[in-house]
Amino acid sequence: MTGQLSLAIDSGKSSTKFAFYYNEELHKMSFRTLVQEVEHFGAELQPNNYLCEFDGKTYLVGDMIGEERFNYDLTKMTTENRISILVACALAIEQAQLADHIINIRLSVNAPISIYKNDKLKKTFEQFLQNDHRVVSIKVNKKPFLYRIDSILTLPEATPMFANPSLYRDKRCFVFDIGSLNVSFCQTESLRPSLAGMFQSNQGIAMLTGKLVEALTTEYGISISTSDAATILKRGYLSVNGKKLEDSPNLIYRVLKNHLEEIISFAKSRGMTFNNIDEMVFTGGGSIVLKDAIQAEYPNACLDPNGSFGNVLSYLAVMKAKNLA
């Protein structure tokens, strides 16, 4: 038997988000885009981690893998993103209780603005994901799945507006989509993205993490790993030997503030004056990390209510509008 599923995926360098409707109910989920090929894996899987068997190889996917496996390549055509997208498809099929069928998937997926603007690169990216239109045979946590990616709708990052149109309708907005590796920028006019106002930089949270490690190491003379830095960003302070360093929050905030100002300056260098802008909108997982700095330095700015799910829910809304979901 065959079935059909419409699925939206936003696979970033840090996490993979996906969303779909089943029985008219919205389902959404995320997991870390950390992937490592393994052999004879015998450890107990922690929640939200997955063992994926595909094309004769076995991969561990999730946050059981250390931050040192983070892929800093700018391209999305990586093993990490491909395996994460294939796992997301399998998890959606499982949640929709369709695992006993061969499923034809209508997929919408994120692409960096640089790929979205180039038709040749976009088609190459779609072919990379589509498995030559052949049936994908995959096991996730030992459970088999069979599906075919029937069609792919490639959509740009920094376009969360269709998931929450009331925020953007009849307004001139500028969107900052702060990801783990890139920041994508998009100017919109009454929900319509401006092609000239779409561009990207490499000032994502990975760069911020590097700056934080350098600042804290210089200030306190201690060694700080990438994993440590991720914890520090979540907590907002540094502790050493179980003791919180009371002056560390101020230093951390200065690093966050300076990074935010560099993002704003980059946009200005591309001709964005922010004059006559009705809403400055921050979205993506990085906007959550920079939330305090954004609210303090730009109190009139808006944090997209869907946070890191802004793009993927917007993609799903586009699919519905196109009768693909």
Protein backbone atom coordinates (compact mmCIF):
# COMPACT_ATOMS: atom_id res chain seq x y z
CA MET A 1 0.00 0.00 0.00
CA THR A 2 1.07 3.57 -0.61
CA GLY A 3 0.25 6.76 1.26
CA GLN A 4 1.08 10.44 1.09
CA LEU A 5 2.50 12.92 3.57
CA SER A 6 3.25 16.64 3.22
CA LEU A 7 6.18 17.71 5.34
CA ALA A 8 8.09 20.95 5.95
CA ILE A 9 11.71 20.74 7.14
CA ASP A 10 14.17 23.39 8.25
CA SER A 11 17.50 21.63 8.65
CA GLY A 12 20.00 24.05 10.12
CA LYS A 13 23.58 23.45 11.15
CA SER A 14 22.58 23.25 14.81
CA SER A 15 19.12 21.67 14.75
CA THR A 16 16.62 20.16 12.35
CA LYS A 17 13.00 21.23 12.74
CA PHE A 18 10.04 19.67 10.96
CA ALA A 19 6.28 20.12 10.94
CA PHE A 20 3.28 18.48 9.29
CA TYR A 21 -0.46 18.03 9.65
CA TYR A 22 -1.97 14.67 10.50
CA ASN A 23 -5.73 14.31 11.00
CA GLU A 24 -5.88 18.12 10.79
CA GLU A 25 -3.62 18.42 13.85
CA LEU A 26 -0.26 20.19 13.70
CA HIS A 27 2.77 18.12 14.70
CA LYS A 28 6.24 19.60 15.09
CA MET A 29 9.55 18.37 16.42
CA SER A 30 13.26 19.14 16.44
CA PHE A 31 16.55 17.36 17.05
CA ARG A 32 20.23 18.30 16.86
CA THR A 33 21.89 18.20 13.44
CA LEU A 34 24.91 16.37 14.82
CA VAL A 35 25.77 13.28 12.79
CA GLN A 36 28.57 10.76 13.15
CA GLU A 37 29.15 7.51 11.30
CA VAL A 38 29.46 4.63 13.78
CA GLU A 39 30.15 0.89 13.79
CA HIS A 40 28.93 -1.72 16.29
CA PHE A 41 27.14 0.96 18.33
CA GLY A 42 26.03 -0.56 21.63
CA ALA A 43 25.31 2.32 24.00
CA GLU A 44 21.78 3.04 25.18
CA LEU A 45 20.20 5.78 23.08
CA GLN A 46 19.16 8.85 25.00
CA PRO A 47 15.86 10.59 24.16
CA ASN A 48 15.82 12.55 20.89
CA ASN A 49 18.83 10.63 19.55
CA TYR A 50 18.59 8.27 16.60
CA LEU A 51 20.53 5.42 15.06
CA CYS A 52 20.09 5.62 11.30
CA GLU A 53 20.97 2.86 8.85
CA PHE A 54 21.09 4.08 5.26
CA ASP A 55 22.93 3.08 2.12
CA GLY A 56 25.08 0.47 3.90
CA LYS A 57 26.24 2.82 6.66
CA THR A 58 25.13 3.52 10.22
CA TYR A 59 24.93 7.01 11.68
CA LEU A 60 24.27 8.34 15.17
CA VAL A 61 22.15 11.50 15.06
CA GLY A 62 21.51 13.83 17.99
CA ASP A 63 23.03 15.53 20.99
CA MET A 64 24.82 12.42 22.27
CA ILE A 65 27.49 13.58 19.82
CA GLY A 66 29.85 16.27 21.07
CA GLU A 67 29.81 19.85 19.79
CA GLU A 68 33.19 19.23 18.16
CA ARG A 69 31.27 17.39 15.40
CA PHE A 70 29.50 20.63 14.41
CA ASN A 71 29.90 21.10 10.64
CA TYR A 72 31.17 24.58 9.78
CA ASP A 73 30.86 24.16 5.99
CA LEU A 74 28.61 26.86 4.55
CA THR A 75 26.97 24.47 2.09
CA LYS A 76 23.81 22.51 2.94
CA MET A 77 24.91 19.67 0.66
CA THR A 78 26.51 17.74 3.50
CA THR A 79 26.08 14.27 4.94
CA GLU A 80 24.84 15.87 8.17
CA ASN A 81 21.99 17.76 6.54
CA ARG A 82 21.01 14.95 4.19
CA ILE A 83 20.89 12.28 6.90
CA SER A 84 19.02 14.64 9.24
CA ILE A 85 16.39 15.34 6.57
CA LEU A 86 15.98 11.63 5.84
CA VAL A 87 15.61 10.90 9.58
CA ALA A 88 13.05 13.72 9.91
CA CYS A 89 11.00 12.16 7.10
CA ALA A 90 11.05 8.78 8.87
CA LEU A 91 10.08 10.30 12.23
CA ALA A 92 7.17 12.16 10.63
CA ILE A 93 5.97 8.94 8.98
CA GLU A 94 6.15 7.18 12.36
CA GLN A 95 4.21 9.96 14.13
CA ALA A 96 1.56 9.88 11.40
CA GLN A 97 1.27 6.11 11.91
CA LEU A 98 2.08 5.40 8.27
CA ALA A 99 5.15 3.23 8.76
CA ASP A 100 3.42 0.17 7.28
CA HIS A 101 3.07 1.92 3.90
CA ILE A 102 5.36 3.12 1.14
CA ILE A 103 4.92 6.87 1.48
CA ASN A 104 5.14 9.52 -1.20
CA ILE A 105 6.41 12.66 0.51
CA ARG A 106 5.77 16.20 -0.63
CA LEU A 107 8.62 18.10 0.94
CA SER A 108 9.36 21.75 1.50
CA VAL A 109 12.87 22.47 2.70
CA ASN A 110 15.04 25.45 3.61
CA ALA A 111 17.85 26.73 1.44
CA PRO A 112 20.33 29.52 2.10
CA ILE A 113 19.45 32.70 0.24
CA SER A 114 22.54 32.25 -1.95
CA ILE A 115 21.16 28.90 -3.20
CA TYR A 116 17.55 30.08 -3.44
CA LYS A 117 18.52 32.93 -5.79
CA ASN A 118 20.44 30.63 -8.15
CA ASP A 119 18.23 28.24 -10.12
CA LYS A 120 21.12 25.93 -11.04
CA LEU A 121 22.29 25.62 -7.43
CA LYS A 122 18.70 25.13 -6.26
CA LYS A 123 18.10 22.25 -8.69
CA THR A 124 21.41 20.64 -7.71
CA PHE A 125 20.40 20.89 -4.04
CA GLU A 126 17.00 19.32 -4.73
CA GLN A 127 18.60 16.45 -6.69
CA PHE A 128 21.02 15.89 -3.80
CA LEU A 129 18.07 15.33 -1.45
CA GLN A 130 15.74 13.46 -3.78
CA ASN A 131 17.67 10.18 -4.06
CA ASP A 132 17.21 10.12 -7.88
CA HIS A 133 13.44 9.71 -7.26
CA ARG A 134 14.14 6.20 -5.99
CA VAL A 135 12.48 4.75 -2.91
CA VAL A 136 14.44 5.57 0.24
CA SER A 137 15.02 2.46 2.36
CA ILE A 138 16.10 3.49 5.82
CA LYS A 139 16.06 2.19 9.38
CA VAL A 140 15.74 4.56 12.33
CA ASN A 141 16.29 2.95 15.73
CA LYS A 142 16.02 -0.42 13.98
CA LYS A 143 12.56 0.35 12.56
CA PRO A 144 12.35 0.14 8.74
CA PHE A 145 10.81 2.88 6.60
CA LEU A 146 10.15 3.04 2.87
CA TYR A 147 9.33 6.33 1.19
CA ARG A 148 9.88 8.36 -1.93
CA ILE A 149 10.45 12.12 -1.95
CA ASP A 150 7.91 12.83 -4.65
CA SER A 151 8.47 16.60 -4.91
CA ILE A 152 10.58 19.29 -3.27
CA LEU A 153 9.61 22.92 -2.77
CA THR A 154 12.77 24.85 -1.90
CA LEU A 155 12.11 27.99 0.14
CA PRO A 156 14.45 30.69 1.45
CA GLU A 157 15.50 31.25 5.00
CA ALA A 158 14.41 34.43 6.81
CA THR A 159 10.81 34.05 5.63
CA PRO A 160 8.74 33.29 8.76
CA MET A 161 5.98 35.70 7.77
CA PHE A 162 3.44 33.20 6.39
CA ALA A 163 3.17 31.38 9.72
CA ASN A 164 2.07 34.58 11.45
CA PRO A 165 0.80 36.90 8.69
CA SER A 166 -0.94 39.40 10.99
CA LEU A 167 2.48 40.56 12.21
CA TYR A 168 3.60 41.44 8.68
CA ARG A 169 0.45 42.31 6.70
CA ASP A 170 0.29 45.92 5.43
CA LYS A 171 3.72 46.58 6.94
CA ARG A 172 7.26 47.13 5.76
CA CYS A 173 9.39 44.74 7.79
CA PHE A 174 13.00 43.69 8.02
CA VAL A 175 13.71 40.14 9.18
CA PHE A 176 16.90 38.94 10.86
CA ASP A 177 17.05 35.13 10.83
CA ILE A 178 19.92 34.33 13.18
CA GLY A 179 21.08 30.76 12.70
CA SER A 180 23.94 28.74 14.07
CA LEU A 181 26.29 29.50 11.16
CA ASN A 182 24.64 32.23 9.06
CA VAL A 183 22.42 35.24 9.52
CA SER A 184 19.86 35.61 6.73
CA PHE A 185 18.26 39.00 6.09
CA CYS A 186 14.98 39.70 4.30
CA GLN A 187 12.98 42.87 3.73
CA THR A 188 9.26 42.38 3.20
CA GLU A 189 6.48 44.60 1.91
CA SER A 190 3.03 43.41 3.04
CA LEU A 191 4.18 39.78 3.24
CA ARG A 192 6.09 39.96 -0.07
CA PRO A 193 9.84 39.32 0.25
CA SER A 194 12.04 41.74 -1.66
CA LEU A 195 14.66 39.93 -3.73
CA ALA A 196 17.01 42.92 -3.50
CA GLY A 197 16.56 42.94 0.27
CA MET A 198 17.56 39.28 0.71
CA PHE A 199 21.18 38.51 1.61
CA GLN A 200 23.20 36.64 4.22
CA SER A 201 26.31 36.86 6.38
CA ASN A 202 28.37 34.35 8.35
CA GLN A 203 27.67 36.03 11.71
CA GLY A 204 25.70 33.17 13.23
CA ILE A 205 25.92 31.85 16.76
CA ALA A 206 29.04 29.81 15.94
CA MET A 207 30.94 33.06 15.44
CA LEU A 208 29.46 34.46 18.66
CA THR A 209 30.58 31.32 20.51
CA GLY A 210 34.14 31.81 19.28
CA LYS A 211 34.13 35.42 20.48
CA LEU A 212 32.77 34.37 23.87
CA VAL A 213 35.45 31.69 24.32
CA GLU A 214 38.16 34.24 23.47
CA ALA A 215 36.77 36.90 25.82
CA LEU A 216 36.34 34.57 28.79
CA THR A 217 39.70 32.89 28.27
CA THR A 218 41.42 36.28 28.12
CA GLU A 219 39.58 37.61 31.18
CA TYR A 220 39.89 34.60 33.47
CA GLY A 221 42.89 32.71 32.09
CA ILE A 222 41.09 29.38 31.87
CA SER A 223 40.46 26.93 29.05
CA ILE A 224 36.88 26.89 27.76
CA SER A 225 35.61 24.32 25.27
CA THR A 226 32.90 24.81 22.64
CA SER A 227 30.59 22.66 24.76
CA ASP A 228 31.34 24.87 27.79
CA ALA A 229 30.52 27.97 25.75
CA ALA A 230 27.15 26.55 24.72
CA THR A 231 26.28 25.99 28.39
CA ILE A 232 27.50 29.47 29.34
CA LEU A 233 25.28 31.04 26.66
CA LYS A 234 22.25 29.19 28.04
CA ARG A 235 22.96 30.09 31.68
CA GLY A 236 24.26 33.61 31.12
CA TYR A 237 27.20 33.20 33.50
CA LEU A 238 30.48 31.32 34.01
CA SER A 239 31.18 29.08 36.98
CA VAL A 240 34.56 27.62 37.94
CA ASN A 241 34.90 24.73 40.39
CA GLY A 242 31.22 25.05 41.25
CA LYS A 243 31.44 28.79 41.99
CA LYS A 244 29.61 31.38 39.89
CA LEU A 245 31.86 34.26 38.84
CA GLU A 246 29.69 37.24 39.77
CA ASP A 247 31.13 39.62 37.17
CA SER A 248 30.86 37.14 34.29
CA PRO A 249 27.25 38.05 33.28
CA ASN A 250 28.34 41.62 32.45
CA LEU A 251 31.18 40.39 30.26
CA ILE A 252 28.92 37.89 28.53
CA TYR A 253 26.30 40.57 27.87
CA ARG A 254 28.93 42.86 26.32
CA VAL A 255 29.95 40.08 23.93
CA LEU A 256 26.29 39.49 22.99
CA LYS A 257 25.65 43.23 22.52
CA ASN A 258 28.74 43.73 20.35
CA HIS A 259 27.82 40.75 18.19
CA LEU A 260 24.29 42.06 17.70
CA GLU A 261 25.66 45.46 16.67
CA GLU A 262 27.92 43.78 14.12
CA ILE A 263 24.88 42.04 12.60
CA ILE A 264 23.04 45.37 12.38
CA SER A 265 26.13 47.04 10.87
CA PHE A 266 26.38 44.35 8.21
CA ALA A 267 22.79 44.98 7.16
CA LYS A 268 23.52 48.71 6.96
CA SER A 269 26.57 47.99 4.81
CA ARG A 270 24.22 46.36 2.31
CA GLY A 271 22.17 49.54 1.99
CA MET A 272 19.58 48.91 4.70
CA THR A 273 18.89 52.21 6.51
CA PHE A 274 15.94 50.97 8.62
CA ASN A 275 14.11 54.19 7.77
CA ASN A 276 10.37 53.74 7.32
CA ILE A 277 10.53 50.17 8.66
CA ASP A 278 7.39 49.25 10.61
CA GLU A 279 8.85 46.16 12.28
CA MET A 280 12.36 44.85 12.93
CA VAL A 281 11.73 41.13 13.36
CA PHE A 282 14.24 38.68 14.83
CA THR A 283 13.71 34.97 14.30
CA GLY A 284 15.66 31.71 14.41
CA GLY A 285 17.35 29.95 17.29
CA GLY A 286 20.02 32.64 17.49
CA SER A 287 17.40 35.27 18.26
CA ILE A 288 16.61 33.34 21.44
CA VAL A 289 20.29 33.39 22.43
CA LEU A 290 20.47 37.16 21.76
CA LYS A 291 17.03 37.88 23.23
CA ASP A 292 18.21 39.99 26.18
CA ALA A 293 20.50 42.12 24.03
CA ILE A 294 17.83 42.58 21.36
CA GLN A 295 15.20 43.70 23.88
CA ALA A 296 17.62 46.04 25.66
CA GLU A 297 19.19 47.65 22.61
CA TYR A 298 16.15 47.61 20.30
CA PRO A 299 13.10 47.73 22.58
CA ASN A 300 10.74 48.28 19.64
CA ALA A 301 11.99 45.19 17.80
CA CYS A 302 9.79 42.10 17.61
CA LEU A 303 10.84 38.54 18.38
CA ASP A 304 8.97 36.20 16.07
CA PRO A 305 6.55 34.27 18.30
CA ASN A 306 7.45 30.95 16.67
CA GLY A 307 11.15 31.29 17.52
CA SER A 308 13.29 28.63 15.89
CA PHE A 309 10.16 27.12 14.26
CA GLY A 310 9.34 30.35 12.40
CA ASN A 311 10.63 29.23 9.01
CA VAL A 312 9.35 25.67 9.09
CA LEU A 313 5.81 26.69 10.09
CA SER A 314 5.89 29.33 7.37
CA TYR A 315 6.95 26.70 4.82
CA LEU A 316 4.02 24.54 5.88
CA ALA A 317 1.65 27.50 5.39
CA VAL A 318 3.06 28.03 1.89
CA MET A 319 2.46 24.36 1.10
CA LYS A 320 -1.16 24.70 2.22
CA ALA A 321 -1.60 27.79 0.06
CA LYS A 322 -0.24 25.86 -2.93
CA ASN A 323 -2.51 22.85 -2.16
CA LEU A 324 0.54 20.74 -1.39
CA ALA A 325 -0.51 20.05 2.22
